Protein backbone atom coordinates (compact mmCIF):
# COMPACT_ATOMS: atom_id res chain seq x y z
CA MET A 1 -8.18 -35.26 -5.53
CA SER A 2 -6.83 -36.30 -8.95
CA GLN A 3 -5.44 -32.91 -9.96
CA LYS A 4 -2.55 -31.50 -7.99
CA ILE A 5 -0.69 -28.25 -8.53
CA PRO A 6 2.93 -28.94 -9.56
CA PHE A 7 4.85 -26.22 -7.79
CA ALA A 8 8.38 -25.06 -7.12
CA ILE A 9 9.88 -22.92 -4.41
CA ILE A 10 12.33 -20.03 -4.36
CA GLY A 11 13.90 -19.55 -0.94
CA THR A 12 14.94 -22.42 1.33
CA SER A 13 14.34 -21.09 4.85
CA TRP A 14 12.23 -22.66 7.61
CA ILE A 15 9.08 -20.88 6.41
CA THR A 16 9.46 -22.59 3.02
CA HIS A 17 9.71 -26.01 4.65
CA ASP A 18 6.55 -25.19 6.64
CA TYR A 19 4.70 -24.08 3.53
CA VAL A 20 5.71 -27.14 1.47
CA LYS A 21 4.70 -29.52 4.26
CA CYS A 22 1.36 -27.79 4.79
CA ALA A 23 0.62 -27.31 1.07
CA GLN A 24 1.17 -30.99 0.36
CA ALA A 25 -0.99 -31.91 3.36
CA THR A 26 -3.94 -30.24 1.60
CA SER A 27 -3.62 -32.79 -1.27
CA LYS A 28 -3.80 -29.84 -3.68
CA PHE A 29 -0.06 -29.39 -4.21
CA SER A 30 2.90 -31.50 -5.24
CA LEU A 31 6.45 -30.16 -4.90
CA ARG A 32 8.24 -30.56 -8.23
CA GLY A 33 11.09 -28.06 -8.10
CA VAL A 34 13.52 -26.31 -5.74
CA TYR A 35 15.58 -23.25 -6.64
CA SER A 36 18.61 -22.14 -4.68
CA ARG A 37 21.75 -20.24 -5.55
CA THR A 38 23.68 -23.53 -5.27
CA LEU A 39 22.59 -26.99 -6.36
CA ASP A 40 23.91 -28.45 -3.09
CA SER A 41 21.53 -26.25 -1.13
CA ALA A 42 18.65 -27.12 -3.45
CA LYS A 43 19.47 -30.83 -3.13
CA ASP A 44 19.56 -30.62 0.67
CA PHE A 45 16.13 -28.95 0.75
CA ALA A 46 14.58 -31.34 -1.79
CA SER A 47 15.91 -34.45 -0.05
CA ARG A 48 13.04 -34.25 2.47
CA TYR A 49 10.45 -34.49 -0.31
CA GLN A 50 12.02 -36.77 -2.91
CA SER A 51 10.39 -40.17 -3.31
CA SER A 52 9.99 -42.94 -5.83
CA THR A 53 6.72 -41.37 -6.94
CA ASN A 54 7.67 -37.71 -6.71
CA ASP A 55 10.77 -36.45 -8.50
CA VAL A 56 11.84 -32.96 -7.39
CA ALA A 57 13.91 -31.05 -9.95
CA LEU A 58 16.84 -28.93 -8.77
CA PHE A 59 17.60 -25.47 -10.12
CA ASP A 60 20.39 -22.94 -9.61
CA SER A 61 19.13 -20.85 -12.53
CA LEU A 62 15.94 -18.80 -12.38
CA ASP A 63 15.75 -18.86 -16.18
CA LYS A 64 15.72 -22.67 -16.19
CA LEU A 65 13.01 -22.75 -13.52
CA ALA A 66 10.94 -20.24 -15.47
CA ALA A 67 11.30 -22.30 -18.64
CA ASP A 68 10.27 -25.63 -17.08
CA PRO A 69 6.81 -26.46 -18.52
CA SER A 70 6.09 -29.09 -15.86
CA ILE A 71 5.84 -26.47 -13.09
CA SER A 72 2.72 -24.30 -13.03
CA THR A 73 3.16 -22.41 -9.76
CA VAL A 74 6.01 -20.91 -7.75
CA TYR A 75 6.04 -20.10 -4.05
CA ILE A 76 8.50 -17.25 -3.44
CA ALA A 77 10.12 -16.74 -0.04
CA SER A 78 13.37 -15.08 -1.05
CA PRO A 79 14.69 -11.95 0.74
CA ASN A 80 12.13 -9.12 0.65
CA SER A 81 14.21 -7.00 -1.70
CA LEU A 82 14.11 -9.77 -4.33
CA HIS A 83 10.36 -10.47 -4.21
CA TYR A 84 9.52 -8.17 -7.11
CA THR A 85 12.27 -9.43 -9.43
CA HIS A 86 11.53 -13.09 -8.75
CA ALA A 87 7.75 -12.72 -9.00
CA HIS A 88 7.99 -10.70 -12.21
CA ALA A 89 10.19 -13.38 -13.80
CA MET A 90 7.83 -16.22 -12.88
CA LEU A 91 4.66 -14.37 -13.95
CA SER A 92 6.32 -13.42 -17.23
CA ALA A 93 7.01 -17.11 -17.77
CA GLY A 94 3.32 -17.94 -17.33
CA LYS A 95 3.43 -19.30 -13.79
CA HIS A 96 1.07 -18.59 -10.90
CA VAL A 97 2.82 -16.96 -7.94
CA ILE A 98 2.29 -17.31 -4.20
CA LEU A 99 4.36 -14.47 -2.77
CA GLU A 100 5.44 -14.64 0.85
CA LYS A 101 4.76 -11.56 2.94
CA PRO A 102 5.63 -8.71 2.69
CA SER A 103 4.66 -8.67 -0.98
CA THR A 104 7.00 -6.01 -2.42
CA CYS A 105 9.00 -3.03 -1.22
CA THR A 106 6.72 -0.46 -2.88
CA SER A 107 3.16 -0.04 -4.08
CA ALA A 108 4.44 0.66 -7.60
CA GLU A 109 6.10 -2.76 -7.69
CA LEU A 110 2.91 -4.44 -6.45
CA THR A 111 0.83 -2.68 -9.11
CA SER A 112 3.27 -3.86 -11.78
CA LEU A 113 2.96 -7.48 -10.62
CA PHE A 114 -0.84 -7.50 -10.50
CA THR A 115 -1.04 -5.81 -13.89
CA LEU A 116 1.16 -8.55 -15.32
CA ALA A 117 -0.79 -11.33 -13.58
CA TYR A 118 -4.14 -10.14 -14.96
CA ALA A 119 -2.67 -9.73 -18.44
CA GLN A 120 -1.33 -13.31 -18.31
CA ASN A 121 -4.54 -14.74 -16.80
CA LEU A 122 -2.56 -15.93 -13.77
CA ILE A 123 -3.15 -16.03 -10.03
CA LEU A 124 -0.96 -13.87 -7.79
CA VAL A 125 -1.57 -13.92 -4.06
CA GLU A 126 0.32 -12.77 -0.97
CA ALA A 127 0.86 -15.46 1.66
CA TRP A 128 -0.75 -14.06 4.81
CA ARG A 129 -1.09 -17.20 6.89
CA HIS A 130 -2.74 -15.70 9.97
CA VAL A 131 -5.83 -14.15 8.35
CA HIS A 132 -6.90 -17.59 7.08
CA GLU A 133 -6.64 -19.34 10.45
CA THR A 134 -9.85 -20.87 11.79
CA ASN A 135 -9.71 -18.86 14.99
CA PHE A 136 -8.95 -15.60 13.19
CA LEU A 137 -12.11 -16.18 11.17
CA ALA A 138 -13.93 -16.83 14.47
CA LEU A 139 -12.61 -13.52 15.78
CA LYS A 140 -13.78 -11.69 12.67
CA ALA A 141 -17.23 -13.27 12.85
CA ALA A 142 -17.52 -12.25 16.51
CA LEU A 143 -16.86 -8.53 15.90
CA PRO A 144 -20.59 -7.61 16.14
CA ASN A 145 -20.54 -8.91 19.74
CA VAL A 146 -18.62 -5.88 20.96
CA GLY A 147 -21.14 -3.36 19.61
CA ARG A 148 -19.82 0.04 18.56
CA LEU A 149 -16.05 -0.23 18.14
CA LEU A 150 -13.97 1.89 20.53
CA GLY A 151 -10.48 0.72 19.66
CA ALA A 152 -8.05 -2.18 19.56
CA ASN A 153 -4.59 -3.18 20.72
CA VAL A 154 -2.54 -5.48 18.50
CA ASN A 155 0.75 -6.77 19.89
CA PHE A 156 3.49 -8.88 18.34
CA CYS A 157 6.84 -8.78 20.17
CA GLN A 158 9.28 -11.61 19.60
CA PHE A 159 12.93 -11.35 20.59
CA SER A 160 15.23 -12.15 17.69
CA SER A 161 18.44 -13.98 18.48
CA ARG A 162 20.00 -11.97 15.67
CA TYR A 163 19.47 -8.78 17.67
CA ASP A 164 22.47 -9.83 19.77
CA ARG A 165 24.52 -9.61 16.58
CA VAL A 166 23.33 -6.02 16.18
CA LEU A 167 24.47 -5.29 19.73
CA ALA A 168 27.83 -6.79 18.76
CA GLY A 169 28.15 -4.32 15.86
CA GLU A 170 27.00 -6.55 12.99
CA THR A 171 24.22 -6.02 10.41
CA PRO A 172 22.27 -9.25 9.96
CA ASN A 173 19.95 -9.35 6.94
CA VAL A 174 16.77 -9.22 9.02
CA PHE A 175 17.87 -5.80 10.33
CA ASN A 176 19.24 -4.49 7.03
CA LEU A 177 17.27 -1.94 4.99
CA ASP A 178 19.21 -2.98 1.88
CA PHE A 179 17.34 -6.29 2.04
CA GLY A 180 13.95 -4.61 2.52
CA ALA A 181 14.02 -5.67 6.16
CA GLY A 182 13.36 -4.27 9.63
CA ALA A 183 10.77 -4.96 12.32
CA LEU A 184 7.93 -3.28 10.42
CA THR A 185 8.30 -5.53 7.37
CA ASP A 186 9.01 -8.63 9.46
CA LEU A 187 6.52 -8.44 12.36
CA GLY A 188 4.62 -5.17 12.07
CA CYS A 189 3.13 -6.10 8.72
CA TYR A 190 1.38 -9.06 10.39
CA CYS A 191 -0.28 -6.62 12.78
CA VAL A 192 -1.29 -4.23 9.99
CA ALA A 193 -2.72 -7.12 7.95
CA PHE A 194 -4.59 -8.29 11.07
CA ALA A 195 -6.15 -4.83 11.54
CA VAL A 196 -6.93 -4.27 7.84
CA GLU A 197 -8.72 -7.62 7.59
CA LEU A 198 -10.81 -6.83 10.69
CA PHE A 199 -11.51 -3.13 10.21
CA GLY A 200 -10.58 -2.17 6.64
CA SER A 201 -8.18 0.54 5.49
CA PRO A 202 -7.45 3.33 7.99
CA VAL A 203 -7.91 7.03 7.29
CA SER A 204 -4.37 7.69 8.49
CA ALA A 205 -1.41 5.93 10.08
CA GLN A 206 1.57 7.08 12.11
CA TYR A 207 4.64 5.11 13.12
CA PHE A 208 7.02 5.77 16.00
CA PRO A 209 10.00 3.48 15.31
CA VAL A 210 12.86 2.54 17.60
CA ARG A 211 15.92 2.88 15.41
CA ILE A 212 18.85 0.58 15.96
CA ALA A 213 22.52 0.76 15.01
CA THR A 214 21.97 -0.74 11.55
CA GLY A 215 19.71 2.17 10.57
CA ALA A 216 16.64 -0.06 10.46
CA ASP A 217 13.79 -0.22 12.96
CA GLY A 218 14.02 -2.78 15.74
CA GLY A 219 10.39 -2.23 16.70
CA GLY A 220 7.98 0.53 17.50
CA THR A 221 4.40 1.70 17.94
CA LEU A 222 2.06 2.25 15.00
CA LEU A 223 -1.30 4.01 15.21
CA MET A 224 -4.05 3.36 12.64
CA HIS A 225 -6.94 5.81 12.83
CA TYR A 226 -10.44 5.07 11.53
CA GLU A 227 -13.31 7.41 10.71
CA GLU A 228 -16.07 5.74 8.72
CA GLU A 229 -19.65 4.55 9.00
CA GLY A 230 -20.14 6.41 12.25
CA ARG A 231 -17.02 4.85 13.75
CA THR A 232 -14.10 6.83 15.10
CA PHE A 233 -11.45 4.74 16.80
CA THR A 234 -7.73 4.01 16.82
CA VAL A 235 -5.86 0.73 16.60
CA THR A 236 -2.63 0.77 18.60
CA ILE A 237 -0.02 -1.66 17.31
CA VAL A 238 3.13 -2.54 19.28
CA PHE A 239 5.74 -4.84 17.78
CA SER A 240 9.41 -5.51 18.38
CA LYS A 241 12.27 -7.85 17.60
CA MET A 242 14.24 -6.49 20.56
CA PHE A 243 12.16 -7.99 23.37
CA PHE A 244 9.46 -10.55 24.08
CA SER A 245 5.96 -9.79 25.34
CA THR A 246 2.98 -11.93 26.30
CA ALA A 247 0.50 -9.04 25.89
CA PRO A 248 -2.65 -10.24 24.08
CA CYS A 249 -4.55 -8.63 21.22
CA GLU A 250 -7.87 -7.02 22.17
CA VAL A 251 -10.80 -5.39 20.37
CA PHE A 252 -12.83 -3.00 22.52
CA GLY A 253 -16.48 -2.12 22.10
CA GLU A 254 -19.38 -0.73 24.10
CA ARG A 255 -20.75 -4.23 24.83
CA GLY A 256 -17.50 -5.99 25.66
CA THR A 257 -14.01 -7.00 24.60
CA LEU A 258 -12.73 -9.70 22.25
CA VAL A 259 -9.39 -11.20 23.26
CA VAL A 260 -6.92 -13.44 21.42
CA PRO A 261 -3.54 -14.36 22.93
CA THR A 262 -1.47 -13.86 19.76
CA VAL A 263 -1.55 -12.41 16.24
CA THR A 264 -0.69 -15.74 14.63
CA ASP A 265 -1.39 -19.35 15.62
CA ILE A 266 -4.42 -18.21 17.63
CA GLU A 267 -5.30 -20.81 20.25
CA ARG A 268 -8.63 -19.37 21.35
CA VAL A 269 -11.01 -16.44 21.00
CA GLU A 270 -12.70 -15.05 24.11
CA PHE A 271 -15.44 -12.50 24.66
CA VAL A 272 -15.40 -10.61 27.95
CA ASP A 273 -18.74 -9.16 29.07
CA PRO A 274 -17.94 -6.48 31.70
CA ARG A 275 -21.58 -6.20 32.79
CA VAL A 276 -21.87 -9.80 33.91
CA ARG A 277 -19.35 -9.98 36.71
CA VAL A 278 -17.71 -13.25 37.57
CA GLY A 279 -14.75 -12.09 39.61
CA GLU A 280 -13.40 -8.68 38.69
CA GLN A 281 -12.96 -9.06 34.94
CA GLY A 282 -16.48 -9.98 33.89
CA ARG A 283 -17.74 -13.20 32.35
CA VAL A 284 -15.44 -14.77 29.78
CA THR A 285 -16.98 -16.79 26.95
CA GLN A 286 -14.77 -18.85 24.67
CA LEU A 287 -15.82 -18.42 21.03
CA GLY A 288 -13.00 -20.01 19.06
CA GLY A 289 -11.96 -23.63 18.91
CA GLU A 290 -8.60 -25.31 19.24
CA LYS A 291 -5.92 -24.15 16.84
CA VAL A 292 -4.52 -26.32 14.07
CA PRO A 293 -1.51 -28.36 15.31
CA PHE A 294 1.69 -26.34 14.90
CA GLU A 295 3.11 -28.65 12.26
CA TYR A 296 0.25 -27.58 10.00
CA ASN A 297 0.08 -23.91 10.92
CA LEU A 298 0.14 -22.83 7.25
CA ARG A 299 -2.33 -25.41 6.01
CA GLU A 300 -5.36 -23.12 6.09
CA GLU A 301 -3.76 -20.51 3.85
CA ALA A 302 -2.47 -23.22 1.51
CA GLU A 303 -6.03 -24.53 1.15
CA VAL A 304 -7.11 -21.06 0.01
CA HIS A 305 -4.16 -20.67 -2.37
CA GLY A 306 -4.77 -24.10 -3.88
CA SER A 307 -8.45 -23.41 -4.52
CA MET A 308 -7.66 -20.05 -6.11
CA ILE A 309 -5.17 -21.61 -8.53
CA LEU A 310 -7.15 -24.74 -9.39
CA GLU A 311 -10.31 -22.73 -10.00
CA ARG A 312 -8.56 -19.69 -11.54
CA ASP A 313 -10.59 -17.67 -9.04
CA VAL A 314 -9.99 -14.11 -10.24
CA GLU A 315 -12.61 -12.68 -7.88
CA ALA A 316 -10.75 -14.11 -4.88
CA MET A 317 -7.53 -12.74 -6.33
CA ARG A 318 -9.06 -9.26 -6.56
CA ARG A 319 -10.32 -9.52 -2.99
CA TRP A 320 -6.87 -10.39 -1.62
CA GLU A 321 -5.21 -7.89 -3.94
CA GLY A 322 -7.20 -5.19 -2.16
CA HIS A 323 -6.00 -6.47 1.20
CA SER A 324 -2.36 -6.51 0.06
CA ARG A 325 -2.63 -3.01 -1.36
CA SER A 326 -4.14 -1.66 1.87
CA VAL A 327 -1.45 -3.24 4.04
CA LEU A 328 1.38 -2.01 1.82
CA LYS A 329 -0.11 1.49 1.64
CA VAL A 330 0.14 1.70 5.44
CA THR A 331 3.58 0.17 5.88
CA GLU A 332 5.12 1.96 2.90
CA GLY A 333 3.68 5.30 3.98
CA VAL A 334 4.84 5.18 7.60
CA ARG A 335 8.28 3.89 6.58
CA ARG A 336 8.82 6.79 4.22
CA ASP A 337 7.52 9.25 6.82
CA ASN A 338 10.36 8.07 9.06
CA GLY A 339 13.06 7.92 6.38
CA LEU A 340 13.29 4.12 6.49
CA LEU A 341 14.03 3.80 2.79
CA PHE A 342 14.78 0.67 0.80
CA PRO A 343 17.29 0.70 -2.11
CA VAL A 344 14.56 1.01 -4.76
CA GLU A 345 13.39 4.22 -3.04
CA ARG A 346 16.82 5.85 -2.90
CA LYS A 347 17.29 6.18 -6.64
């Protein structure tokens, strides 16, 4: 491919390294800039991607990054509470934005960003890696196999080493509401996005959080209720950063059950037919293929993002805008119902 997207990044965590590596593996992107609060940090990040044929500029000023005409696109993976400010600055400067999940703290902020993107004829997209995975698409395509939907369980429980710091009386950023954080915005949003992409927007949602010493949620159970097109069912979502679970995700229907082992990095998709007994659990048919190797676990979403930007695909942007709005409507609503307020909501 002769044309590559010259992009920069804001935020230098592990997820940014993963995205850069996977984006460049698509041959649609070329890293040209790194922003960090210090040039030393930016230099350390960029050192992995500098080469004789690819010069990566270093920035410790957002204004200078915004003003650089050689960069067309910015991937933003800064703390959640800064997503809106950083995205607004880059869109205002005429740059496409790939915004790491969760998009913004409030629906009003998200509306402001999309309004600006459309006015500037730019692409804005939220980086949901899991809903672009090959095996997630296999799961979605297999939904008719279960017949009339009866419900689903979506589980995502990963113990965070930083929870021990909470137990020691500290407030790490990932458990700090002032940074737009908490288990719902870190893990639960994956589950909500998973359900919204499979089943659409729910009629109602209710969250039962487990509050921790920092005031944020360490995990909880979220119910999404559906009543449409003759369907009435509930999706039960369990997520936590306080413990680890190997419970799979399952979609139940009158004809059988679809099973995937995880929300992200799905290794396989299975259909269990309870009426054809092989042992006690019924016959299991594998529907999905092997997952993408872990080192490229963001490549599928980067392929989508690259195509959207190169083709200025506004229709695709509108499609994923709807998904982002639906996810945020759920997470924002249940947070506020439980008094889990971010700084922008306390004014």
